[in-house]
Amino acid sequence: MYLMIVAWDLARSEQTTTSLRDYLRGYAVDAFTGLPGMLGKFWFSNEPRQIWGAVYLWTTLAHADPARLPSRAVELIGYEPTSVSVFALEAVAAGADWSKLLDGGVVHA
C-alpha cells in the first residue's frame, strides 16, 4: 500500500480553506467515493495558515497516478500543489474509534 500527501499553500489563490469546503460538499467527496484502487482519501486544512490538502491511501503505486483522479482542485486553486509526496505504507494501527472513520463525509462544518 502507498500513502500520497498532496498540499497547497493557498497564499496565491483566490480560494480559501473555507471556500474549498463547498467543493468537498458539492463535488469531491462523491467524486472520489468508490474510486478503484483507493482505500481512502482524507482532506485536511489549516485555516490560520491557509493550507489545504489531502492524504490518499492506495492499494498500488499505479493507482496513485494524478492524471486518473477526478479532482478539480488545481482548476479551483489556480496552480499545481505546493507539495506532493508518495510513501510506502509500513504499518497501520487501528485505534478504538477506527469505526467512526467509516462514517465518511465532511467532518468539519
N, C-alpha and C. Protein backbone atom coordinates (compact mmCIF):
# COMPACT_ATOMS: atom_id res chain seq x y z
N MET A 1 0.83 -1.17 0.00
CA MET A 1 0.00 0.00 0.00
C MET A 1 0.88 1.24 0.00
N TYR A 2 0.29 2.32 -0.50
CA TYR A 2 1.02 3.58 -0.62
C TYR A 2 0.18 4.74 -0.09
N LEU A 3 0.87 5.68 0.50
CA LEU A 3 0.28 6.89 1.05
C LEU A 3 0.76 8.06 0.21
N MET A 4 -0.16 8.90 -0.25
CA MET A 4 0.20 10.08 -1.02
C MET A 4 -0.35 11.30 -0.28
N ILE A 5 0.52 12.28 -0.05
CA ILE A 5 0.12 13.52 0.62
C ILE A 5 0.29 14.66 -0.39
N VAL A 6 -0.81 15.37 -0.61
CA VAL A 6 -0.84 16.49 -1.55
C VAL A 6 -1.28 17.73 -0.77
N ALA A 7 -0.53 18.83 -0.91
CA ALA A 7 -0.87 20.04 -0.15
C ALA A 7 -0.65 21.30 -0.97
N TRP A 8 -1.49 22.28 -0.68
CA TRP A 8 -1.39 23.60 -1.29
C TRP A 8 -1.23 24.65 -0.22
N ASP A 9 -0.33 25.60 -0.45
CA ASP A 9 -0.30 26.84 0.29
C ASP A 9 -1.20 27.78 -0.52
N LEU A 10 -2.30 28.21 0.05
CA LEU A 10 -3.29 28.98 -0.68
C LEU A 10 -2.98 30.48 -0.76
N ALA A 11 -1.78 30.88 -0.38
CA ALA A 11 -1.42 32.30 -0.34
C ALA A 11 -1.61 33.00 -1.69
N ARG A 12 -1.39 32.31 -2.79
CA ARG A 12 -1.50 32.92 -4.13
C ARG A 12 -2.86 32.67 -4.77
N SER A 13 -3.76 32.01 -4.07
CA SER A 13 -5.05 31.63 -4.65
C SER A 13 -6.17 32.52 -4.16
N GLU A 14 -7.21 32.65 -4.97
CA GLU A 14 -8.42 33.33 -4.54
C GLU A 14 -9.25 32.41 -3.62
N GLN A 15 -8.95 31.11 -3.64
CA GLN A 15 -9.66 30.15 -2.79
C GLN A 15 -9.11 30.21 -1.37
N THR A 16 -9.94 29.84 -0.43
CA THR A 16 -9.54 29.73 0.98
C THR A 16 -9.97 28.36 1.48
N THR A 17 -9.52 28.00 2.66
CA THR A 17 -9.96 26.72 3.23
C THR A 17 -11.48 26.72 3.40
N THR A 18 -12.04 27.85 3.73
CA THR A 18 -13.49 27.95 3.89
C THR A 18 -14.21 27.73 2.56
N SER A 19 -13.76 28.38 1.50
CA SER A 19 -14.43 28.23 0.20
C SER A 19 -14.26 26.82 -0.36
N LEU A 20 -13.14 26.18 -0.07
CA LEU A 20 -12.91 24.84 -0.60
C LEU A 20 -13.78 23.79 0.10
N ARG A 21 -14.32 24.09 1.25
CA ARG A 21 -15.26 23.15 1.90
C ARG A 21 -16.52 22.98 1.05
N ASP A 22 -16.91 24.01 0.33
CA ASP A 22 -18.06 23.88 -0.58
C ASP A 22 -17.75 22.89 -1.69
N TYR A 23 -16.50 22.88 -2.16
CA TYR A 23 -16.05 21.92 -3.16
C TYR A 23 -16.18 20.49 -2.63
N LEU A 24 -15.83 20.29 -1.36
CA LEU A 24 -15.98 18.97 -0.75
C LEU A 24 -17.43 18.53 -0.76
N ARG A 25 -18.30 19.37 -0.21
CA ARG A 25 -19.71 19.03 -0.08
C ARG A 25 -20.41 18.90 -1.43
N GLY A 26 -20.04 19.75 -2.36
CA GLY A 26 -20.75 19.79 -3.64
C GLY A 26 -20.21 18.88 -4.72
N TYR A 27 -18.98 18.37 -4.53
CA TYR A 27 -18.39 17.57 -5.62
C TYR A 27 -17.43 16.48 -5.14
N ALA A 28 -16.39 16.86 -4.45
CA ALA A 28 -15.23 15.98 -4.26
C ALA A 28 -15.52 14.69 -3.50
N VAL A 29 -16.24 14.77 -2.40
CA VAL A 29 -16.48 13.54 -1.63
C VAL A 29 -17.18 12.51 -2.50
N ASP A 30 -18.22 12.91 -3.21
CA ASP A 30 -18.94 11.97 -4.09
C ASP A 30 -18.06 11.50 -5.25
N ALA A 31 -17.28 12.41 -5.84
CA ALA A 31 -16.45 12.06 -7.00
C ALA A 31 -15.39 11.03 -6.66
N PHE A 32 -14.86 11.06 -5.45
CA PHE A 32 -13.80 10.14 -5.06
C PHE A 32 -14.31 8.86 -4.40
N THR A 33 -15.55 8.86 -3.95
CA THR A 33 -16.11 7.68 -3.29
C THR A 33 -16.18 6.53 -4.30
N GLY A 34 -15.60 5.40 -3.95
CA GLY A 34 -15.63 4.21 -4.80
C GLY A 34 -14.57 4.18 -5.89
N LEU A 35 -13.62 5.09 -5.86
CA LEU A 35 -12.57 5.13 -6.89
C LEU A 35 -11.72 3.86 -6.81
N PRO A 36 -11.57 3.13 -7.92
CA PRO A 36 -10.79 1.89 -7.91
C PRO A 36 -9.35 2.11 -7.45
N GLY A 37 -8.89 1.23 -6.59
CA GLY A 37 -7.51 1.28 -6.11
C GLY A 37 -7.29 2.23 -4.94
N MET A 38 -8.30 3.02 -4.60
CA MET A 38 -8.15 3.95 -3.49
C MET A 38 -8.86 3.38 -2.27
N LEU A 39 -8.11 3.22 -1.19
CA LEU A 39 -8.70 2.73 0.05
C LEU A 39 -9.35 3.87 0.83
N GLY A 40 -8.87 5.09 0.64
CA GLY A 40 -9.47 6.23 1.30
C GLY A 40 -8.78 7.52 0.92
N LYS A 41 -9.52 8.60 1.07
CA LYS A 41 -8.96 9.94 0.86
C LYS A 41 -9.41 10.77 2.05
N PHE A 42 -8.47 11.50 2.63
CA PHE A 42 -8.71 12.29 3.82
C PHE A 42 -8.28 13.72 3.54
N TRP A 43 -9.23 14.65 3.47
CA TRP A 43 -8.90 16.05 3.22
C TRP A 43 -8.51 16.72 4.53
N PHE A 44 -7.59 17.65 4.46
CA PHE A 44 -7.19 18.38 5.67
C PHE A 44 -7.02 19.86 5.35
N SER A 45 -7.08 20.66 6.40
CA SER A 45 -6.85 22.10 6.24
C SER A 45 -6.24 22.66 7.51
N ASN A 46 -5.56 23.78 7.32
CA ASN A 46 -5.06 24.58 8.43
C ASN A 46 -5.52 26.00 8.13
N GLU A 47 -6.63 26.38 8.76
CA GLU A 47 -7.24 27.67 8.44
C GLU A 47 -6.32 28.87 8.72
N PRO A 48 -5.67 28.95 9.89
CA PRO A 48 -4.80 30.11 10.13
C PRO A 48 -3.67 30.26 9.11
N ARG A 49 -3.12 29.14 8.66
CA ARG A 49 -2.01 29.19 7.69
C ARG A 49 -2.48 29.08 6.24
N GLN A 50 -3.78 28.84 6.03
CA GLN A 50 -4.36 28.67 4.70
C GLN A 50 -3.64 27.57 3.90
N ILE A 51 -3.58 26.40 4.52
CA ILE A 51 -3.04 25.19 3.88
C ILE A 51 -4.22 24.26 3.62
N TRP A 52 -4.24 23.67 2.45
CA TRP A 52 -5.31 22.75 2.05
C TRP A 52 -4.67 21.53 1.40
N GLY A 53 -5.21 20.36 1.67
CA GLY A 53 -4.64 19.19 1.02
C GLY A 53 -5.42 17.93 1.30
N ALA A 54 -4.79 16.83 0.94
CA ALA A 54 -5.42 15.53 1.11
C ALA A 54 -4.36 14.46 1.29
N VAL A 55 -4.76 13.42 1.99
CA VAL A 55 -3.95 12.21 2.15
C VAL A 55 -4.72 11.09 1.49
N TYR A 56 -4.07 10.38 0.59
CA TYR A 56 -4.68 9.26 -0.11
C TYR A 56 -4.03 7.97 0.38
N LEU A 57 -4.80 6.92 0.43
CA LEU A 57 -4.28 5.59 0.71
C LEU A 57 -4.61 4.71 -0.50
N TRP A 58 -3.56 4.22 -1.17
CA TRP A 58 -3.70 3.47 -2.42
C TRP A 58 -3.28 2.01 -2.24
N THR A 59 -3.92 1.12 -3.00
CA THR A 59 -3.55 -0.30 -2.96
C THR A 59 -2.24 -0.54 -3.71
N THR A 60 -2.01 0.18 -4.80
CA THR A 60 -0.78 0.04 -5.58
C THR A 60 -0.29 1.42 -6.00
N LEU A 61 0.97 1.50 -6.34
CA LEU A 61 1.56 2.75 -6.80
C LEU A 61 0.94 3.20 -8.12
N ALA A 62 0.58 2.25 -8.97
CA ALA A 62 -0.02 2.59 -10.27
C ALA A 62 -1.33 3.35 -10.10
N HIS A 63 -2.08 3.05 -9.06
CA HIS A 63 -3.34 3.74 -8.84
C HIS A 63 -3.14 5.19 -8.40
N ALA A 64 -1.98 5.56 -7.94
CA ALA A 64 -1.71 6.90 -7.42
C ALA A 64 -1.41 7.92 -8.52
N ASP A 65 -1.67 7.61 -9.75
CA ASP A 65 -1.40 8.49 -10.87
C ASP A 65 -2.38 9.68 -10.86
N PRO A 66 -1.89 10.91 -10.64
CA PRO A 66 -2.78 12.07 -10.57
C PRO A 66 -3.63 12.27 -11.82
N ALA A 67 -3.16 11.82 -12.97
CA ALA A 67 -3.90 12.01 -14.22
C ALA A 67 -5.23 11.26 -14.24
N ARG A 68 -5.38 10.23 -13.42
CA ARG A 68 -6.62 9.45 -13.42
C ARG A 68 -7.61 9.89 -12.35
N LEU A 69 -7.27 10.93 -11.61
CA LEU A 69 -8.12 11.36 -10.50
C LEU A 69 -9.18 12.37 -10.95
N PRO A 70 -10.37 12.33 -10.34
CA PRO A 70 -11.44 13.26 -10.73
C PRO A 70 -11.36 14.61 -10.03
N SER A 71 -10.18 14.99 -9.55
CA SER A 71 -10.03 16.23 -8.77
C SER A 71 -10.18 17.46 -9.65
N ARG A 72 -10.80 18.49 -9.09
CA ARG A 72 -10.89 19.81 -9.72
C ARG A 72 -10.13 20.84 -8.91
N ALA A 73 -9.32 20.38 -7.95
CA ALA A 73 -8.62 21.29 -7.04
C ALA A 73 -7.67 22.23 -7.78
N VAL A 74 -6.88 21.72 -8.72
CA VAL A 74 -5.94 22.58 -9.45
C VAL A 74 -6.71 23.66 -10.20
N GLU A 75 -7.80 23.29 -10.82
CA GLU A 75 -8.64 24.25 -11.54
C GLU A 75 -9.17 25.33 -10.60
N LEU A 76 -9.65 24.93 -9.43
CA LEU A 76 -10.21 25.89 -8.48
C LEU A 76 -9.14 26.76 -7.81
N ILE A 77 -8.05 26.13 -7.40
CA ILE A 77 -6.99 26.84 -6.68
C ILE A 77 -6.17 27.71 -7.63
N GLY A 78 -5.99 27.23 -8.85
CA GLY A 78 -5.30 28.03 -9.86
C GLY A 78 -3.86 27.64 -10.12
N TYR A 79 -3.36 26.64 -9.40
CA TYR A 79 -1.99 26.18 -9.63
C TYR A 79 -1.81 24.78 -9.04
N GLU A 80 -0.72 24.14 -9.45
CA GLU A 80 -0.39 22.79 -9.00
C GLU A 80 -0.12 22.78 -7.50
N PRO A 81 -0.20 21.62 -6.87
CA PRO A 81 0.08 21.55 -5.43
C PRO A 81 1.47 22.07 -5.07
N THR A 82 1.57 22.63 -3.90
CA THR A 82 2.84 23.10 -3.38
C THR A 82 3.75 21.92 -3.05
N SER A 83 3.13 20.82 -2.65
CA SER A 83 3.89 19.64 -2.24
C SER A 83 3.12 18.38 -2.59
N VAL A 84 3.82 17.39 -3.17
CA VAL A 84 3.26 16.06 -3.42
C VAL A 84 4.32 15.05 -2.99
N SER A 85 3.93 14.14 -2.10
CA SER A 85 4.86 13.11 -1.62
C SER A 85 4.15 11.76 -1.63
N VAL A 86 4.89 10.72 -2.01
CA VAL A 86 4.36 9.37 -2.00
C VAL A 86 5.28 8.50 -1.15
N PHE A 87 4.67 7.68 -0.29
CA PHE A 87 5.41 6.83 0.63
C PHE A 87 4.86 5.42 0.61
N ALA A 88 5.73 4.44 0.80
CA ALA A 88 5.26 3.07 1.03
C ALA A 88 4.72 3.02 2.46
N LEU A 89 3.56 2.43 2.62
CA LEU A 89 2.96 2.31 3.94
C LEU A 89 3.57 1.10 4.64
N GLU A 90 4.14 1.31 5.78
CA GLU A 90 4.84 0.25 6.50
C GLU A 90 3.96 -0.49 7.50
N ALA A 91 3.03 0.21 8.15
CA ALA A 91 2.17 -0.43 9.15
C ALA A 91 0.98 0.47 9.44
N VAL A 92 -0.08 -0.14 9.98
CA VAL A 92 -1.27 0.59 10.39
C VAL A 92 -1.69 0.07 11.75
N ALA A 93 -2.02 0.96 12.65
CA ALA A 93 -2.58 0.59 13.96
C ALA A 93 -3.95 1.23 14.04
N ALA A 94 -4.98 0.43 14.13
CA ALA A 94 -6.35 0.94 14.22
C ALA A 94 -6.68 1.25 15.68
N GLY A 95 -7.09 2.48 15.94
CA GLY A 95 -7.46 2.88 17.29
C GLY A 95 -8.85 2.40 17.66
N ALA A 96 -9.21 2.60 18.90
CA ALA A 96 -10.50 2.15 19.41
C ALA A 96 -11.67 2.79 18.66
N ASP A 97 -11.47 3.99 18.11
CA ASP A 97 -12.54 4.68 17.40
C ASP A 97 -12.43 4.58 15.88
N TRP A 98 -11.67 3.63 15.39
CA TRP A 98 -11.45 3.46 13.95
C TRP A 98 -12.76 3.38 13.17
N SER A 99 -13.77 2.74 13.73
CA SER A 99 -15.04 2.57 13.02
C SER A 99 -15.72 3.91 12.73
N LYS A 100 -15.45 4.95 13.50
CA LYS A 100 -16.02 6.27 13.24
C LYS A 100 -15.54 6.83 11.91
N LEU A 101 -14.37 6.43 11.50
CA LEU A 101 -13.81 6.87 10.23
C LEU A 101 -14.66 6.39 9.06
N LEU A 102 -15.26 5.24 9.19
CA LEU A 102 -16.04 4.64 8.11
C LEU A 102 -17.36 5.35 7.86
N ASP A 103 -17.73 6.26 8.74
CA ASP A 103 -18.97 7.03 8.53
C ASP A 103 -18.85 7.93 7.32
N GLY A 104 -17.64 8.37 6.99
CA GLY A 104 -17.38 9.16 5.80
C GLY A 104 -17.98 10.56 5.85
N GLY A 105 -17.91 11.24 4.71
CA GLY A 105 -18.49 12.57 4.61
C GLY A 105 -17.59 13.66 5.11
N VAL A 106 -18.13 14.85 5.16
CA VAL A 106 -17.39 16.02 5.59
C VAL A 106 -17.51 16.15 7.10
N VAL A 107 -16.38 16.14 7.78
CA VAL A 107 -16.38 16.20 9.23
C VAL A 107 -16.51 17.63 9.72
N HIS A 108 -15.81 18.57 9.08
CA HIS A 108 -15.81 19.97 9.51
C HIS A 108 -17.06 20.66 8.98
N ALA A 109 -17.76 21.35 9.83
CA ALA A 109 -19.00 22.05 9.41
C ALA A 109 -18.69 23.35 8.72
